[in-house]
Amino acid sequence: MSILVDTGVFVSAADSDEPRHAEAAAVLADNRGRLFTTAAVVAETAWPLEDRLGPGAEARFLAMVLDEVRFVDLIRADYRRCIELIDRYADMGLGLVDASIVTVAERLGLTTIATLNQRDFRVVRPAHTDAFELVP
């Protein structure tokens, strides 16, 4: 089973002061070789790591992504789907990063998302499955 990883899991796994650090770190460690993320998530994760923990933490995160995570760039059709999702869920403020997770999940047929953002991913209805399985 492959898992798409959202920003909060990466940030919490890297920052031992985060309340869900242990859970997030375990999800990443327990699923090596099965982790995917989007380029948008990589960019969104890098900034808080550098800001809170310094350039070394940012560099370690990027090295981990290169070694252990398959990151998926959005193609033109994905951006169109992101626009649809952002418009459809405008009332809840769904943004590009979360829309990219949904879009890539649909394209790759993935149903499990590692996220701390239960609200968005429980509300959004993907085209390829009834609902996402959310971990941790």
N, C-alpha and C. Protein backbone atom coordinates (compact mmCIF):
# COMPACT_ATOMS: atom_id res chain seq x y z
N MET A 1 0.84 -1.18 0.00
CA MET A 1 0.00 0.00 0.00
C MET A 1 0.89 1.25 0.00
N SER A 2 0.69 2.11 -0.98
CA SER A 2 1.42 3.37 -1.05
C SER A 2 0.65 4.45 -0.28
N ILE A 3 1.40 5.40 0.24
CA ILE A 3 0.81 6.46 1.06
C ILE A 3 1.28 7.81 0.54
N LEU A 4 0.33 8.73 0.38
CA LEU A 4 0.66 10.11 0.04
C LEU A 4 0.83 10.88 1.34
N VAL A 5 1.92 11.62 1.45
CA VAL A 5 2.24 12.32 2.70
C VAL A 5 1.99 13.81 2.54
N ASP A 6 1.29 14.38 3.52
CA ASP A 6 0.97 15.80 3.56
C ASP A 6 1.99 16.54 4.44
N THR A 7 2.00 17.83 4.33
CA THR A 7 2.97 18.70 5.00
C THR A 7 3.07 18.48 6.50
N GLY A 8 1.94 18.45 7.19
CA GLY A 8 1.95 18.36 8.65
C GLY A 8 2.69 17.15 9.18
N VAL A 9 2.62 16.04 8.47
CA VAL A 9 3.32 14.84 8.91
C VAL A 9 4.83 15.04 8.80
N PHE A 10 5.28 15.61 7.69
CA PHE A 10 6.72 15.87 7.55
C PHE A 10 7.21 16.85 8.62
N VAL A 11 6.47 17.93 8.85
CA VAL A 11 6.89 18.94 9.83
C VAL A 11 6.91 18.33 11.23
N SER A 12 5.85 17.61 11.59
CA SER A 12 5.80 17.02 12.93
C SER A 12 6.87 15.96 13.14
N ALA A 13 7.16 15.19 12.10
CA ALA A 13 8.20 14.17 12.22
C ALA A 13 9.57 14.80 12.44
N ALA A 14 9.80 15.95 11.85
CA ALA A 14 11.11 16.62 11.96
C ALA A 14 11.28 17.39 13.26
N ASP A 15 10.17 17.85 13.85
CA ASP A 15 10.22 18.74 15.01
C ASP A 15 9.77 17.99 16.27
N SER A 16 10.71 17.63 17.11
CA SER A 16 10.39 16.85 18.32
C SER A 16 9.53 17.62 19.31
N ASP A 17 9.37 18.93 19.14
CA ASP A 17 8.50 19.71 20.01
C ASP A 17 7.03 19.66 19.57
N GLU A 18 6.77 19.12 18.39
CA GLU A 18 5.40 19.01 17.90
C GLU A 18 4.64 17.95 18.70
N PRO A 19 3.37 18.23 19.04
CA PRO A 19 2.59 17.28 19.84
C PRO A 19 2.44 15.88 19.22
N ARG A 20 2.41 15.79 17.91
CA ARG A 20 2.21 14.48 17.27
C ARG A 20 3.49 13.97 16.60
N HIS A 21 4.63 14.42 17.13
CA HIS A 21 5.93 14.05 16.58
C HIS A 21 6.10 12.53 16.47
N ALA A 22 5.87 11.82 17.55
CA ALA A 22 6.12 10.37 17.55
C ALA A 22 5.26 9.65 16.53
N GLU A 23 3.98 10.01 16.44
CA GLU A 23 3.08 9.38 15.47
C GLU A 23 3.54 9.65 14.03
N ALA A 24 3.88 10.91 13.77
CA ALA A 24 4.29 11.29 12.42
C ALA A 24 5.60 10.60 12.03
N ALA A 25 6.55 10.58 12.95
CA ALA A 25 7.82 9.92 12.67
C ALA A 25 7.62 8.42 12.43
N ALA A 26 6.71 7.81 13.18
CA ALA A 26 6.44 6.38 13.01
C ALA A 26 5.82 6.09 11.65
N VAL A 27 4.92 6.94 11.19
CA VAL A 27 4.29 6.74 9.88
C VAL A 27 5.37 6.74 8.79
N LEU A 28 6.29 7.69 8.86
CA LEU A 28 7.35 7.76 7.85
C LEU A 28 8.28 6.55 7.95
N ALA A 29 8.68 6.19 9.17
CA ALA A 29 9.61 5.07 9.36
C ALA A 29 8.97 3.73 8.97
N ASP A 30 7.72 3.56 9.31
CA ASP A 30 7.04 2.28 9.06
C ASP A 30 6.65 2.06 7.60
N ASN A 31 6.72 3.12 6.80
CA ASN A 31 6.26 3.01 5.41
C ASN A 31 7.34 3.35 4.40
N ARG A 32 8.59 3.20 4.79
CA ARG A 32 9.69 3.46 3.86
C ARG A 32 9.49 2.65 2.58
N GLY A 33 9.76 3.30 1.47
CA GLY A 33 9.61 2.64 0.18
C GLY A 33 8.21 2.71 -0.39
N ARG A 34 7.28 3.22 0.40
CA ARG A 34 5.88 3.31 -0.05
C ARG A 34 5.35 4.73 0.02
N LEU A 35 6.23 5.70 0.26
CA LEU A 35 5.81 7.08 0.47
C LEU A 35 5.87 7.89 -0.81
N PHE A 36 4.83 8.66 -1.04
CA PHE A 36 4.74 9.59 -2.15
C PHE A 36 4.38 10.96 -1.59
N THR A 37 4.72 12.01 -2.30
CA THR A 37 4.24 13.34 -1.98
C THR A 37 4.27 14.16 -3.25
N THR A 38 3.73 15.36 -3.18
CA THR A 38 3.75 16.24 -4.34
C THR A 38 4.84 17.29 -4.18
N ALA A 39 5.25 17.84 -5.29
CA ALA A 39 6.25 18.91 -5.25
C ALA A 39 5.73 20.09 -4.44
N ALA A 40 4.42 20.34 -4.48
CA ALA A 40 3.83 21.44 -3.69
C ALA A 40 4.02 21.19 -2.20
N VAL A 41 3.87 19.95 -1.76
CA VAL A 41 4.08 19.61 -0.35
C VAL A 41 5.54 19.81 0.04
N VAL A 42 6.46 19.43 -0.82
CA VAL A 42 7.89 19.60 -0.53
C VAL A 42 8.18 21.09 -0.30
N ALA A 43 7.68 21.94 -1.18
CA ALA A 43 7.92 23.38 -1.04
C ALA A 43 7.27 23.92 0.23
N GLU A 44 6.03 23.48 0.52
CA GLU A 44 5.33 23.98 1.71
C GLU A 44 6.00 23.51 3.00
N THR A 45 6.60 22.34 2.99
CA THR A 45 7.27 21.79 4.17
C THR A 45 8.61 22.46 4.42
N ALA A 46 9.35 22.76 3.38
CA ALA A 46 10.70 23.30 3.53
C ALA A 46 10.72 24.61 4.31
N TRP A 47 9.74 25.46 4.06
CA TRP A 47 9.76 26.78 4.70
C TRP A 47 9.64 26.70 6.23
N PRO A 48 8.63 26.03 6.80
CA PRO A 48 8.57 26.00 8.27
C PRO A 48 9.74 25.28 8.91
N LEU A 49 10.29 24.27 8.23
CA LEU A 49 11.46 23.59 8.80
C LEU A 49 12.64 24.54 8.88
N GLU A 50 12.89 25.28 7.80
CA GLU A 50 13.99 26.24 7.82
C GLU A 50 13.73 27.33 8.85
N ASP A 51 12.50 27.82 8.91
CA ASP A 51 12.14 28.91 9.81
C ASP A 51 12.24 28.50 11.29
N ARG A 52 11.73 27.33 11.62
CA ARG A 52 11.68 26.88 13.02
C ARG A 52 12.97 26.19 13.47
N LEU A 53 13.53 25.36 12.57
CA LEU A 53 14.62 24.49 12.98
C LEU A 53 15.96 24.79 12.31
N GLY A 54 15.94 25.70 11.32
CA GLY A 54 17.19 26.11 10.67
C GLY A 54 17.45 25.41 9.35
N PRO A 55 18.44 25.93 8.63
CA PRO A 55 18.78 25.39 7.31
C PRO A 55 19.18 23.92 7.34
N GLY A 56 19.81 23.48 8.41
CA GLY A 56 20.21 22.07 8.50
C GLY A 56 19.01 21.13 8.46
N ALA A 57 17.94 21.51 9.17
CA ALA A 57 16.73 20.69 9.18
C ALA A 57 16.08 20.67 7.80
N GLU A 58 16.10 21.81 7.14
CA GLU A 58 15.56 21.87 5.79
C GLU A 58 16.35 20.96 4.85
N ALA A 59 17.67 21.02 4.95
CA ALA A 59 18.53 20.18 4.10
C ALA A 59 18.31 18.70 4.40
N ARG A 60 18.17 18.34 5.68
CA ARG A 60 17.93 16.93 6.04
C ARG A 60 16.58 16.46 5.48
N PHE A 61 15.58 17.32 5.55
CA PHE A 61 14.28 16.97 4.98
C PHE A 61 14.40 16.71 3.48
N LEU A 62 15.05 17.62 2.76
CA LEU A 62 15.19 17.46 1.32
C LEU A 62 15.97 16.19 0.97
N ALA A 63 17.01 15.89 1.74
CA ALA A 63 17.78 14.66 1.51
C ALA A 63 16.91 13.43 1.74
N MET A 64 16.09 13.47 2.80
CA MET A 64 15.19 12.35 3.09
C MET A 64 14.19 12.17 1.95
N VAL A 65 13.65 13.26 1.45
CA VAL A 65 12.69 13.17 0.34
C VAL A 65 13.38 12.55 -0.88
N LEU A 66 14.57 12.99 -1.18
CA LEU A 66 15.29 12.43 -2.33
C LEU A 66 15.57 10.94 -2.17
N ASP A 67 15.88 10.52 -0.96
CA ASP A 67 16.26 9.13 -0.71
C ASP A 67 15.08 8.19 -0.47
N GLU A 68 14.01 8.70 0.15
CA GLU A 68 12.97 7.80 0.66
C GLU A 68 11.56 8.05 0.16
N VAL A 69 11.34 9.14 -0.55
CA VAL A 69 9.98 9.50 -0.95
C VAL A 69 9.95 9.72 -2.46
N ARG A 70 8.94 9.22 -3.09
CA ARG A 70 8.76 9.51 -4.51
C ARG A 70 7.90 10.76 -4.61
N PHE A 71 8.46 11.82 -5.18
CA PHE A 71 7.64 13.01 -5.30
C PHE A 71 7.13 13.16 -6.72
N VAL A 72 5.90 13.60 -6.78
CA VAL A 72 5.16 13.63 -8.03
C VAL A 72 4.93 15.07 -8.43
N ASP A 73 5.42 15.42 -9.60
CA ASP A 73 5.15 16.74 -10.15
C ASP A 73 3.75 16.75 -10.75
N LEU A 74 3.12 17.89 -10.67
CA LEU A 74 1.79 18.03 -11.27
C LEU A 74 1.94 18.24 -12.77
N ILE A 75 1.08 17.58 -13.52
CA ILE A 75 1.02 17.79 -14.96
C ILE A 75 -0.13 18.76 -15.24
N ARG A 76 -0.22 19.22 -16.45
CA ARG A 76 -1.22 20.22 -16.82
C ARG A 76 -2.63 19.82 -16.40
N ALA A 77 -3.02 18.57 -16.66
CA ALA A 77 -4.35 18.09 -16.27
C ALA A 77 -4.54 18.13 -14.76
N ASP A 78 -3.47 17.90 -14.00
CA ASP A 78 -3.56 17.97 -12.53
C ASP A 78 -3.89 19.39 -12.07
N TYR A 79 -3.26 20.37 -12.69
CA TYR A 79 -3.56 21.76 -12.32
C TYR A 79 -5.03 22.08 -12.60
N ARG A 80 -5.54 21.57 -13.71
CA ARG A 80 -6.96 21.80 -14.02
C ARG A 80 -7.85 21.16 -12.95
N ARG A 81 -7.50 19.96 -12.53
CA ARG A 81 -8.26 19.29 -11.47
C ARG A 81 -8.12 20.05 -10.16
N CYS A 82 -6.95 20.56 -9.86
CA CYS A 82 -6.76 21.37 -8.64
C CYS A 82 -7.68 22.59 -8.66
N ILE A 83 -7.79 23.24 -9.80
CA ILE A 83 -8.68 24.40 -9.93
C ILE A 83 -10.12 23.99 -9.64
N GLU A 84 -10.55 22.85 -10.20
CA GLU A 84 -11.90 22.35 -9.93
C GLU A 84 -12.13 22.15 -8.44
N LEU A 85 -11.17 21.52 -7.78
CA LEU A 85 -11.30 21.24 -6.35
C LEU A 85 -11.29 22.52 -5.52
N ILE A 86 -10.39 23.44 -5.86
CA ILE A 86 -10.32 24.72 -5.13
C ILE A 86 -11.64 25.47 -5.27
N ASP A 87 -12.21 25.48 -6.48
CA ASP A 87 -13.51 26.13 -6.68
C ASP A 87 -14.62 25.41 -5.92
N ARG A 88 -14.66 24.09 -6.03
CA ARG A 88 -15.73 23.32 -5.38
C ARG A 88 -15.71 23.46 -3.87
N TYR A 89 -14.53 23.52 -3.28
CA TYR A 89 -14.41 23.58 -1.82
C TYR A 89 -13.94 24.95 -1.34
N ALA A 90 -14.31 25.99 -2.07
CA ALA A 90 -13.90 27.36 -1.74
C ALA A 90 -14.38 27.76 -0.35
N ASP A 91 -15.54 27.30 0.06
CA ASP A 91 -16.08 27.67 1.37
C ASP A 91 -15.22 27.20 2.52
N MET A 92 -14.43 26.15 2.31
CA MET A 92 -13.55 25.68 3.38
C MET A 92 -12.09 26.08 3.17
N GLY A 93 -11.83 26.80 2.08
CA GLY A 93 -10.47 27.30 1.85
C GLY A 93 -9.47 26.25 1.42
N LEU A 94 -9.93 25.24 0.67
CA LEU A 94 -9.00 24.25 0.16
C LEU A 94 -8.00 24.95 -0.77
N GLY A 95 -6.72 24.74 -0.53
CA GLY A 95 -5.69 25.39 -1.32
C GLY A 95 -4.98 24.43 -2.24
N LEU A 96 -4.01 24.96 -2.97
CA LEU A 96 -3.28 24.19 -3.96
C LEU A 96 -2.60 22.96 -3.38
N VAL A 97 -1.99 23.07 -2.22
CA VAL A 97 -1.23 21.94 -1.68
C VAL A 97 -2.16 20.76 -1.40
N ASP A 98 -3.26 21.01 -0.69
CA ASP A 98 -4.19 19.91 -0.40
C ASP A 98 -4.88 19.42 -1.67
N ALA A 99 -5.22 20.33 -2.57
CA ALA A 99 -5.81 19.92 -3.85
C ALA A 99 -4.83 19.06 -4.64
N SER A 100 -3.53 19.36 -4.54
CA SER A 100 -2.53 18.56 -5.26
C SER A 100 -2.48 17.14 -4.70
N ILE A 101 -2.65 16.99 -3.41
CA ILE A 101 -2.67 15.65 -2.80
C ILE A 101 -3.86 14.86 -3.35
N VAL A 102 -5.03 15.47 -3.36
CA VAL A 102 -6.23 14.79 -3.86
C VAL A 102 -6.05 14.43 -5.33
N THR A 103 -5.55 15.37 -6.11
CA THR A 103 -5.39 15.17 -7.55
C THR A 103 -4.42 14.04 -7.86
N VAL A 104 -3.29 14.03 -7.19
CA VAL A 104 -2.30 12.97 -7.42
C VAL A 104 -2.84 11.62 -6.93
N ALA A 105 -3.56 11.63 -5.81
CA ALA A 105 -4.18 10.39 -5.34
C ALA A 105 -5.11 9.83 -6.41
N GLU A 106 -5.90 10.70 -7.00
CA GLU A 106 -6.82 10.26 -8.06
C GLU A 106 -6.05 9.71 -9.25
N ARG A 107 -5.04 10.44 -9.69
CA ARG A 107 -4.29 10.02 -10.88
C ARG A 107 -3.58 8.69 -10.67
N LEU A 108 -3.02 8.49 -9.47
CA LEU A 108 -2.25 7.27 -9.20
C LEU A 108 -3.09 6.16 -8.57
N GLY A 109 -4.34 6.45 -8.27
CA GLY A 109 -5.21 5.45 -7.65
C GLY A 109 -4.88 5.17 -6.20
N LEU A 110 -4.33 6.14 -5.49
CA LEU A 110 -3.96 5.96 -4.08
C LEU A 110 -5.13 6.36 -3.18
N THR A 111 -5.29 5.65 -2.08
CA THR A 111 -6.42 5.94 -1.18
C THR A 111 -6.01 6.27 0.24
N THR A 112 -4.73 6.13 0.57
CA THR A 112 -4.26 6.40 1.93
C THR A 112 -3.43 7.68 1.94
N ILE A 113 -3.77 8.57 2.88
CA ILE A 113 -3.05 9.83 3.03
C ILE A 113 -2.55 9.94 4.46
N ALA A 114 -1.27 10.24 4.61
CA ALA A 114 -0.69 10.54 5.92
C ALA A 114 -0.84 12.04 6.11
N THR A 115 -1.70 12.41 7.04
CA THR A 115 -2.00 13.82 7.26
C THR A 115 -2.41 14.08 8.69
N LEU A 116 -2.20 15.28 9.14
CA LEU A 116 -2.74 15.73 10.42
C LEU A 116 -3.95 16.63 10.17
N ASN A 117 -4.28 16.84 8.91
CA ASN A 117 -5.38 17.70 8.47
C ASN A 117 -6.62 16.84 8.22
N GLN A 118 -7.22 16.40 9.26
CA GLN A 118 -8.40 15.53 9.15
C GLN A 118 -9.56 16.25 8.47
N ARG A 119 -9.74 17.51 8.77
CA ARG A 119 -10.91 18.25 8.27
C ARG A 119 -10.98 18.23 6.75
N ASP A 120 -9.96 18.69 6.08
CA ASP A 120 -10.02 18.80 4.62
C ASP A 120 -10.17 17.44 3.96
N PHE A 121 -9.39 16.48 4.38
CA PHE A 121 -9.38 15.19 3.69
C PHE A 121 -10.55 14.29 4.06
N ARG A 122 -11.30 14.63 5.10
CA ARG A 122 -12.55 13.91 5.39
C ARG A 122 -13.71 14.52 4.60
N VAL A 123 -13.64 15.80 4.29
CA VAL A 123 -14.71 16.49 3.58
C VAL A 123 -14.61 16.29 2.07
N VAL A 124 -13.41 16.42 1.52
CA VAL A 124 -13.22 16.33 0.07
C VAL A 124 -13.54 14.91 -0.41
N ARG A 125 -14.35 14.84 -1.44
CA ARG A 125 -14.73 13.55 -2.03
C ARG A 125 -13.90 13.30 -3.29
N PRO A 126 -12.96 12.36 -3.23
CA PRO A 126 -12.15 12.05 -4.41
C PRO A 126 -12.99 11.34 -5.47
N ALA A 127 -12.55 11.44 -6.70
CA ALA A 127 -13.27 10.86 -7.83
C ALA A 127 -13.11 9.34 -7.91
N HIS A 128 -12.05 8.80 -7.31
CA HIS A 128 -11.72 7.39 -7.52
C HIS A 128 -12.06 6.45 -6.37
N THR A 129 -12.56 6.99 -5.27
CA THR A 129 -12.91 6.17 -4.11
C THR A 129 -13.93 6.93 -3.28
N ASP A 130 -14.65 6.23 -2.42
CA ASP A 130 -15.67 6.89 -1.60
C ASP A 130 -15.06 7.88 -0.62
N ALA A 131 -13.93 7.51 -0.04
CA ALA A 131 -13.26 8.37 0.95
C ALA A 131 -11.81 7.91 1.08
N PHE A 132 -10.99 8.81 1.61
CA PHE A 132 -9.60 8.48 1.88
C PHE A 132 -9.47 7.77 3.22
N GLU A 133 -8.48 6.89 3.31
CA GLU A 133 -8.05 6.36 4.59
C GLU A 133 -6.97 7.30 5.10
N LEU A 134 -7.15 7.83 6.30
CA LEU A 134 -6.21 8.82 6.85
C LEU A 134 -5.40 8.18 7.97
N VAL A 135 -4.09 8.40 7.93
CA VAL A 135 -3.19 7.96 8.99
C VAL A 135 -2.33 9.15 9.40
N PRO A 136 -1.80 9.31 10.58
CA PRO A 136 -1.95 8.37 11.68
C PRO A 136 -3.31 8.38 12.29
